[in-house]
Protein backbone atom coordinates (compact mmCIF):
# COMPACT_ATOMS: atom_id res chain seq x y z
CA MET A 1 166.91 105.65 187.73
CA THR A 2 169.49 108.34 188.45
CA ARG A 3 172.19 109.63 186.12
CA LEU A 4 175.61 110.57 187.50
CA LEU A 5 178.28 112.71 185.85
CA ILE A 6 181.84 112.00 187.02
CA ALA A 7 184.34 114.81 186.47
CA ALA A 8 187.91 113.48 186.73
CA SER A 9 190.87 114.16 184.50
CA GLY A 10 194.59 114.07 184.00
CA THR A 11 196.46 111.82 186.40
CA GLY A 12 195.94 108.39 187.90
CA GLY A 13 195.52 110.07 191.28
CA HIS A 14 192.34 111.70 189.99
CA LEU A 15 191.17 108.93 187.66
CA PHE A 16 191.58 105.65 189.57
CA PRO A 17 189.50 106.71 192.63
CA ALA A 18 186.81 108.02 190.29
CA LEU A 19 186.80 104.75 188.33
CA ALA A 20 186.34 102.80 191.58
CA VAL A 21 183.35 104.97 192.50
CA ALA A 22 181.89 104.68 189.00
CA GLU A 23 182.04 100.89 189.23
CA ALA A 24 180.37 100.98 192.66
CA VAL A 25 177.41 103.13 191.55
CA GLU A 26 176.80 102.11 187.93
CA SER A 27 174.17 99.54 188.93
CA ASN A 28 171.96 102.44 190.10
CA GLY A 29 171.88 104.19 186.75
CA PRO A 30 173.92 105.43 183.80
CA VAL A 31 177.31 107.05 184.43
CA ARG A 32 178.74 109.71 182.15
CA TRP A 33 182.35 110.90 182.34
CA LEU A 34 183.58 114.45 181.93
CA GLY A 35 187.22 114.87 180.92
CA VAL A 36 189.70 116.94 178.95
CA PRO A 37 190.95 116.12 175.43
CA ASP A 38 194.34 114.40 175.12
CA ARG A 39 194.57 113.41 178.77
CA LEU A 40 194.83 109.97 180.38
CA GLU A 41 191.05 109.52 180.59
CA THR A 42 190.77 109.30 176.80
CA SER A 43 192.48 105.90 176.96
CA LEU A 44 191.10 104.60 180.29
CA VAL A 45 187.46 105.64 180.28
CA PRO A 46 185.74 105.12 176.88
CA GLU A 47 185.77 101.32 177.07
CA ARG A 48 183.54 101.45 180.18
CA PHE A 49 181.74 104.80 180.36
CA GLY A 50 180.56 107.44 177.91
CA LEU A 51 183.30 110.10 177.79
CA ILE A 52 182.50 113.74 177.10
CA THR A 53 185.38 116.21 176.84
CA VAL A 54 185.60 119.95 177.36
CA ASN A 55 188.58 122.30 177.32
CA ALA A 56 189.53 123.27 180.87
CA GLY A 57 192.64 124.61 182.52
CA GLY A 58 193.97 126.18 185.70
CA LEU A 59 194.23 129.75 186.92
CA GLN A 60 197.99 130.13 187.15
CA GLY A 61 199.78 133.30 186.27
CA ARG A 62 198.78 136.94 186.58
CA GLY A 63 197.28 139.82 184.67
CA LEU A 64 196.11 139.18 181.12
CA LYS A 65 197.05 135.49 181.22
CA LYS A 66 194.88 134.91 184.26
CA LEU A 67 192.01 136.86 182.70
CA VAL A 68 192.15 134.64 179.60
CA GLN A 69 192.14 131.52 181.80
CA LEU A 70 189.16 132.86 183.75
CA ILE A 71 187.23 133.37 180.50
CA ARG A 72 188.12 129.80 179.50
CA LEU A 73 186.82 128.55 182.85
CA LEU A 74 183.52 130.38 182.44
CA TRP A 75 183.14 129.06 178.90
CA ALA A 76 183.90 125.53 180.08
CA SER A 77 181.20 125.95 182.75
CA VAL A 78 178.71 126.86 180.02
CA SER A 79 179.75 123.74 178.08
CA VAL A 80 179.32 121.52 181.15
CA ARG A 81 175.90 123.05 181.84
CA ARG A 82 174.83 122.01 178.35
CA VAL A 83 176.11 118.47 179.02
CA ILE A 84 174.16 118.30 182.29
CA GLN A 85 170.96 119.42 180.58
CA ARG A 86 171.41 117.24 177.48
CA GLU A 87 172.22 114.08 179.47
CA SER A 88 169.60 114.76 182.18
CA ILE A 89 172.27 114.48 184.87
CA ASP A 90 171.01 114.21 188.48
CA ALA A 91 174.32 114.71 190.37
CA VAL A 92 178.04 115.29 189.87
CA PHE A 93 180.97 113.52 191.51
CA THR A 94 184.46 114.97 191.10
CA THR A 95 187.94 114.20 192.38
CA GLY A 96 189.27 117.74 192.01
CA GLY A 97 191.74 119.15 189.52
CA TYR A 98 191.10 121.53 186.62
CA ILE A 99 187.95 119.79 185.39
CA ALA A 100 186.33 120.10 188.83
CA ALA A 101 185.91 123.87 188.70
CA PRO A 102 183.59 124.06 185.65
CA ALA A 103 181.79 120.90 186.83
CA ILE A 104 181.03 122.38 190.27
CA LEU A 105 179.99 125.76 188.88
CA ALA A 106 177.75 124.19 186.22
CA ALA A 107 176.12 121.87 188.74
CA ARG A 108 175.32 124.81 191.03
CA TRP A 109 173.97 126.68 188.01
CA CYS A 110 171.67 123.76 187.25
CA GLY A 111 170.66 123.23 190.89
CA ILE A 112 171.93 119.65 191.19
CA PRO A 113 174.12 118.27 194.01
CA VAL A 114 177.90 117.83 193.85
CA VAL A 115 180.12 115.45 195.83
CA LEU A 116 183.81 116.40 195.86
CA HIS A 117 186.58 114.01 196.92
CA GLU A 118 190.00 115.34 197.95
CA SER A 119 192.70 112.70 198.34
CA ASN A 120 195.65 114.82 199.55
CA ALA A 121 196.41 116.07 203.04
CA ILE A 122 196.74 119.60 201.61
CA PRO A 123 193.73 120.17 199.34
CA GLY A 124 194.21 121.54 195.85
CA ARG A 125 193.28 125.09 194.90
CA VAL A 126 189.91 124.15 193.38
CA THR A 127 188.95 122.22 196.51
CA ARG A 128 189.91 125.12 198.77
CA LEU A 129 188.02 127.67 196.69
CA LEU A 130 184.92 125.73 195.67
CA GLY A 131 184.50 123.08 198.39
CA ARG A 132 181.98 125.33 200.12
CA LEU A 133 179.75 125.16 197.03
CA CYS A 134 179.51 121.36 197.13
CA SER A 135 176.75 119.34 198.73
CA ALA A 136 179.31 117.07 200.39
CA VAL A 137 183.12 116.94 200.61
CA ALA A 138 184.96 113.67 201.25
CA ILE A 139 188.64 113.43 202.17
CA GLY A 140 191.23 110.70 201.87
CA LEU A 141 193.48 111.73 204.78
CA PRO A 142 192.42 113.15 208.16
CA ALA A 143 194.88 116.07 207.93
CA ALA A 144 192.75 117.68 205.20
CA SER A 145 189.74 118.17 207.46
CA GLN A 146 190.78 121.63 208.71
CA ARG A 147 191.94 122.90 205.33
CA ILE A 148 188.70 123.17 203.34
CA PRO A 149 186.94 126.38 204.44
CA GLY A 150 183.17 126.43 204.68
CA SER A 151 182.66 122.66 204.51
CA HIS A 152 182.36 119.73 206.90
CA PRO A 153 184.42 116.98 205.28
CA VAL A 154 183.70 113.28 205.72
CA LEU A 155 186.70 110.95 206.02
CA THR A 156 186.24 108.11 203.52
CA GLY A 157 189.78 107.30 202.46
CA THR A 158 190.80 107.11 198.80
CA PRO A 159 189.52 104.19 196.70
CA VAL A 160 191.98 101.73 195.19
CA ARG A 161 191.59 99.10 192.49
CA VAL A 162 189.96 95.81 193.54
CA ALA A 163 193.20 93.86 193.00
CA PHE A 164 194.78 95.66 195.97
CA LEU A 165 192.01 94.37 198.25
CA THR A 166 192.32 90.66 197.39
CA PRO A 167 195.35 88.36 197.83
CA GLN A 168 197.64 88.40 194.79
CA PRO A 169 200.56 86.10 193.95
CA LEU A 170 204.11 87.34 193.79
CA PRO A 171 204.89 87.83 190.07
CA GLY A 172 207.11 85.15 188.60
CA TRP A 173 209.58 87.68 187.20
CA VAL A 174 210.53 88.89 190.70
CA PRO A 175 213.98 87.66 191.86
CA GLN A 176 213.60 84.49 193.93
CA GLY A 177 215.20 83.75 197.28
CA ASP A 178 214.90 84.37 201.00
CA GLY A 179 216.38 87.87 201.15
CA PRO A 180 214.14 90.83 202.03
CA LEU A 181 212.13 92.13 199.08
CA LEU A 182 212.35 95.88 198.46
CA VAL A 183 209.98 97.55 195.98
CA VAL A 184 210.89 101.01 194.65
CA MET A 185 208.15 103.09 193.00
CA GLY A 186 208.84 106.50 191.51
CA GLY A 187 205.46 107.10 189.86
CA SER A 188 204.22 106.70 186.29
CA GLN A 189 206.18 109.70 184.98
CA GLY A 190 209.35 108.58 186.67
CA ALA A 191 211.21 110.18 189.56
CA VAL A 192 214.76 110.87 188.45
CA GLY A 193 215.86 112.21 191.85
CA LEU A 194 214.51 109.20 193.73
CA ASN A 195 215.86 106.77 191.14
CA ARG A 196 219.36 108.20 191.47
CA MET A 197 219.23 108.00 195.26
CA VAL A 198 218.27 104.33 195.03
CA ARG A 199 220.85 103.45 192.36
CA ALA A 200 223.62 104.86 194.55
CA ILE A 201 222.89 102.24 197.20
CA LEU A 202 221.77 99.32 195.01
CA PRO A 203 225.16 97.54 194.90
CA LYS A 204 225.36 97.40 198.69
CA LEU A 205 221.74 96.25 199.07
CA LEU A 206 222.18 93.52 196.48
CA ASP A 207 225.45 92.34 198.02
CA GLN A 208 223.68 92.05 201.39
CA GLY A 209 221.17 89.64 199.83
CA CYS A 210 218.25 91.99 199.26
CA ARG A 211 215.94 91.38 196.33
CA VAL A 212 215.03 94.67 194.64
CA VAL A 213 212.21 95.50 192.23
CA HIS A 214 212.75 98.99 190.82
CA LEU A 215 209.83 100.50 188.91
CA THR A 216 211.54 103.48 187.34
CA GLY A 217 208.67 105.15 185.50
CA GLY A 218 208.76 106.22 181.87
CA ASN A 219 211.21 109.09 182.16
CA ASP A 220 214.34 107.30 183.31
CA PRO A 221 217.47 107.32 181.11
CA GLU A 222 219.55 104.96 183.27
CA ILE A 223 217.38 101.84 183.31
CA ASN A 224 219.02 98.43 182.90
CA GLN A 225 222.61 99.65 183.27
CA LEU A 226 223.15 97.48 186.36
CA HIS A 227 222.72 93.71 186.00
CA HIS A 228 222.33 91.44 189.02
CA PRO A 229 220.26 88.28 189.63
CA ASN A 230 218.57 89.94 192.63
CA LEU A 231 217.54 93.06 190.69
CA ALA A 232 214.52 93.53 188.42
CA GLU A 233 214.12 96.94 186.77
CA ARG A 234 211.00 97.83 184.81
CA ARG A 235 209.48 101.11 183.70
CA PHE A 236 205.95 100.02 184.60
CA SER A 237 204.14 96.98 185.97
CA ASP A 238 200.54 95.83 186.21
CA ASP A 239 201.57 93.60 189.13
CA ILE A 240 201.88 96.31 191.79
CA PRO A 241 199.20 94.75 194.07
CA GLY A 242 201.17 91.49 194.27
CA LEU A 243 204.46 93.33 194.68
CA LEU A 244 203.25 95.46 197.58
CA GLN A 245 201.47 92.59 199.33
CA HIS A 246 204.69 90.55 199.38
CA ALA A 247 207.24 93.35 199.89
CA ASP A 248 209.15 93.65 203.15
CA LEU A 249 209.69 97.35 202.49
CA ALA A 250 208.70 99.89 199.83
CA ILE A 251 210.50 103.09 198.84
CA SER A 252 208.03 105.46 197.22
CA ARG A 253 206.94 108.98 196.46
CA ALA A 254 204.10 110.21 198.66
CA GLY A 255 201.27 110.78 196.21
CA ALA A 256 197.85 110.15 197.74
CA GLY A 257 197.04 107.29 195.37
CA SER A 258 200.28 105.44 196.06
CA LEU A 259 199.87 106.01 199.79
CA SER A 260 196.36 104.50 199.71
CA GLU A 261 197.65 101.45 197.85
CA LEU A 262 200.51 100.99 200.31
CA ALA A 263 198.09 101.34 203.22
CA VAL A 264 195.59 98.70 202.10
CA CYS A 265 198.50 96.32 201.40
CA GLY A 266 200.00 97.02 204.84
CA THR A 267 203.41 97.70 203.30
CA PRO A 268 206.04 99.39 205.53
CA THR A 269 207.42 102.28 203.52
CA VAL A 270 210.19 104.84 203.25
CA LEU A 271 208.48 107.87 201.74
CA VAL A 272 210.51 110.33 199.67
CA PRO A 273 208.14 113.25 198.92
CA PHE A 274 208.45 114.95 195.54
CA PRO A 275 210.01 118.30 196.49
CA GLN A 276 208.28 120.26 193.69
CA ALA A 277 204.76 119.01 194.43
CA ALA A 278 202.16 121.79 194.53
CA ASP A 279 201.82 123.29 198.01
CA HIS A 280 204.25 120.59 199.19
CA HIS A 281 201.24 118.30 199.50
CA GLN A 282 203.41 115.15 199.30
CA ASP A 283 205.27 116.30 202.42
CA ALA A 284 201.93 116.61 204.20
CA ASN A 285 200.78 113.19 202.92
CA ALA A 286 204.00 111.64 204.19
CA ALA A 287 203.66 113.36 207.56
CA CYS A 288 200.16 111.93 207.92
CA ALA A 289 201.43 108.39 207.28
CA ALA A 290 204.35 108.91 209.67
CA SER A 291 201.95 110.05 212.41
CA PHE A 292 200.41 106.55 212.30
CA GLY A 293 203.88 104.98 212.55
CA ALA A 294 203.31 103.60 209.07
CA ALA A 295 206.24 105.19 207.27
CA VAL A 296 209.63 106.83 207.66
CA ILE A 297 210.25 110.08 205.76
CA VAL A 298 213.50 110.68 203.89
CA HIS A 299 213.71 113.94 201.99
CA GLN A 300 215.25 113.91 198.53
CA HIS A 301 218.99 114.42 198.79
CA ASP A 302 222.27 114.09 196.93
CA PRO A 303 222.79 110.42 195.94
CA ASN A 304 226.12 110.40 197.78
CA HIS A 305 224.48 111.28 201.10
CA PRO A 306 223.98 108.22 203.37
CA VAL A 307 220.52 109.06 204.79
CA LEU A 308 218.48 106.70 202.60
CA ALA A 309 221.02 103.89 202.91
CA ASN A 310 221.14 104.21 206.70
CA THR A 311 217.35 104.29 206.98
CA ILE A 312 216.84 101.18 204.87
CA GLU A 313 219.60 99.33 206.68
CA ARG A 314 218.05 100.10 210.08
CA LEU A 315 214.61 98.91 208.96
CA ILE A 316 215.67 95.61 207.35
CA SER A 317 218.64 94.69 209.55
CA ALA A 318 216.57 92.12 211.46
CA ARG A 319 215.55 90.46 208.19
CA LEU A 320 219.24 90.33 207.26
CA GLY A 321 220.04 88.43 210.45
CA ASP A 322 221.45 91.18 212.68
CA PRO A 323 220.98 89.83 216.26
CA ASN A 324 221.02 93.35 217.70
CA ALA A 325 218.23 94.67 215.47
CA ASP A 326 214.63 95.20 216.58
CA PRO A 327 212.59 92.55 214.73
CA ARG A 328 209.34 94.45 215.46
CA LEU A 329 210.18 97.61 213.49
CA LEU A 330 208.58 96.52 210.23
CA GLN A 331 205.71 94.84 212.08
CA ARG A 332 204.83 98.12 213.82
CA MET A 333 204.97 99.99 210.51
CA GLN A 334 202.69 97.39 208.94
CA GLN A 335 200.20 97.88 211.76
CA GLY A 336 200.39 101.64 211.22
CA MET A 337 199.57 101.21 207.53
CA GLU A 338 196.60 99.03 208.41
CA GLN A 339 195.31 101.74 210.75
CA LEU A 340 195.69 104.34 208.00
CA ALA A 341 193.87 102.20 205.43
CA GLU A 342 190.22 102.63 204.48
CA ARG A 343 189.54 99.37 202.64
CA ASP A 344 185.95 100.23 201.72
CA ALA A 345 186.54 103.80 200.52
CA ASP A 346 184.75 103.14 197.22
CA GLN A 347 181.64 101.89 199.04
CA GLN A 348 181.70 104.81 201.47
CA LEU A 349 181.88 107.27 198.59
CA ALA A 350 179.20 105.43 196.63
CA CYS A 351 176.87 105.60 199.63
CA LEU A 352 177.60 109.31 200.05
CA VAL A 353 176.81 109.97 196.39
CA GLN A 354 173.60 107.97 196.61
CA GLN A 355 172.51 109.79 199.77
CA ILE A 356 173.08 113.16 198.14
CA MET A 357 171.18 112.10 195.04
CA ARG A 358 168.23 111.01 197.14
């Protein structure tokens, strides 16, 4: 029986793929989880897997600050080495981020294999620096394959929750009717810039007969100021699989996790990359989806600018009854999403981990 340590921390983009892999491999032996105190994993992980936390951070800044962070990294690596020895860990799986660095270094120190998964088209700093030390590197998007020096990445896709892979009903709270259904997702923290762009065009969309579900995120001060029978605004929803499976069009940020969910649901999408994302990785994620014909990219702009409105109108005009519109636009985007999707990413990663452990 083998024992696996999963190192994943911080955001849903790191945690949800790791949870999917943990569920796929737990029948082969115990799974332990390595995280950071006071992060999202402290609420998601303990009910399923034994959580062990260490203090870990990045290497931003210069001079003395960077030296202090380097010392913290080395100390965290010592702490992880003790965990590996105490728990008799046979292999490590990590999805990148701050916790990955001490996990990879400690695993190498102990002589056990490491599998690293990178979900973004532009790999994070830890992946770029330490990917060469891993036994195997898996990637979620093909564009990342040339950006991890010293490794030979395997394209597996990024795992999504099981609900996205099975048919789900349309939630009852969604506005009813025959108009096209638009789903707007700004991310769990909220996307104020994207939300304002959408709100500027909501009255016109609603007057045209569109049904709009706007998931604003938790950091939105303007929620529920507009009332209309075809509009449903919520900060969060557990019904995203059903929403995306039934949506005619989504408007979303371009995080790797969201993109994977959109792909497996085959949802045509207008992607609005977060302009402050590290290394502009959301721009690269969006470009990858667009290369499949799966999405249209609209860069964040002043709410009064007509780019987003014009793009949405062009894409849904056939659904609104315009006889001059191309009715195949959304169908071709759906096919592009299906080509981008890796529906068995969790199984591919589980097999890779098991191969490395053997």
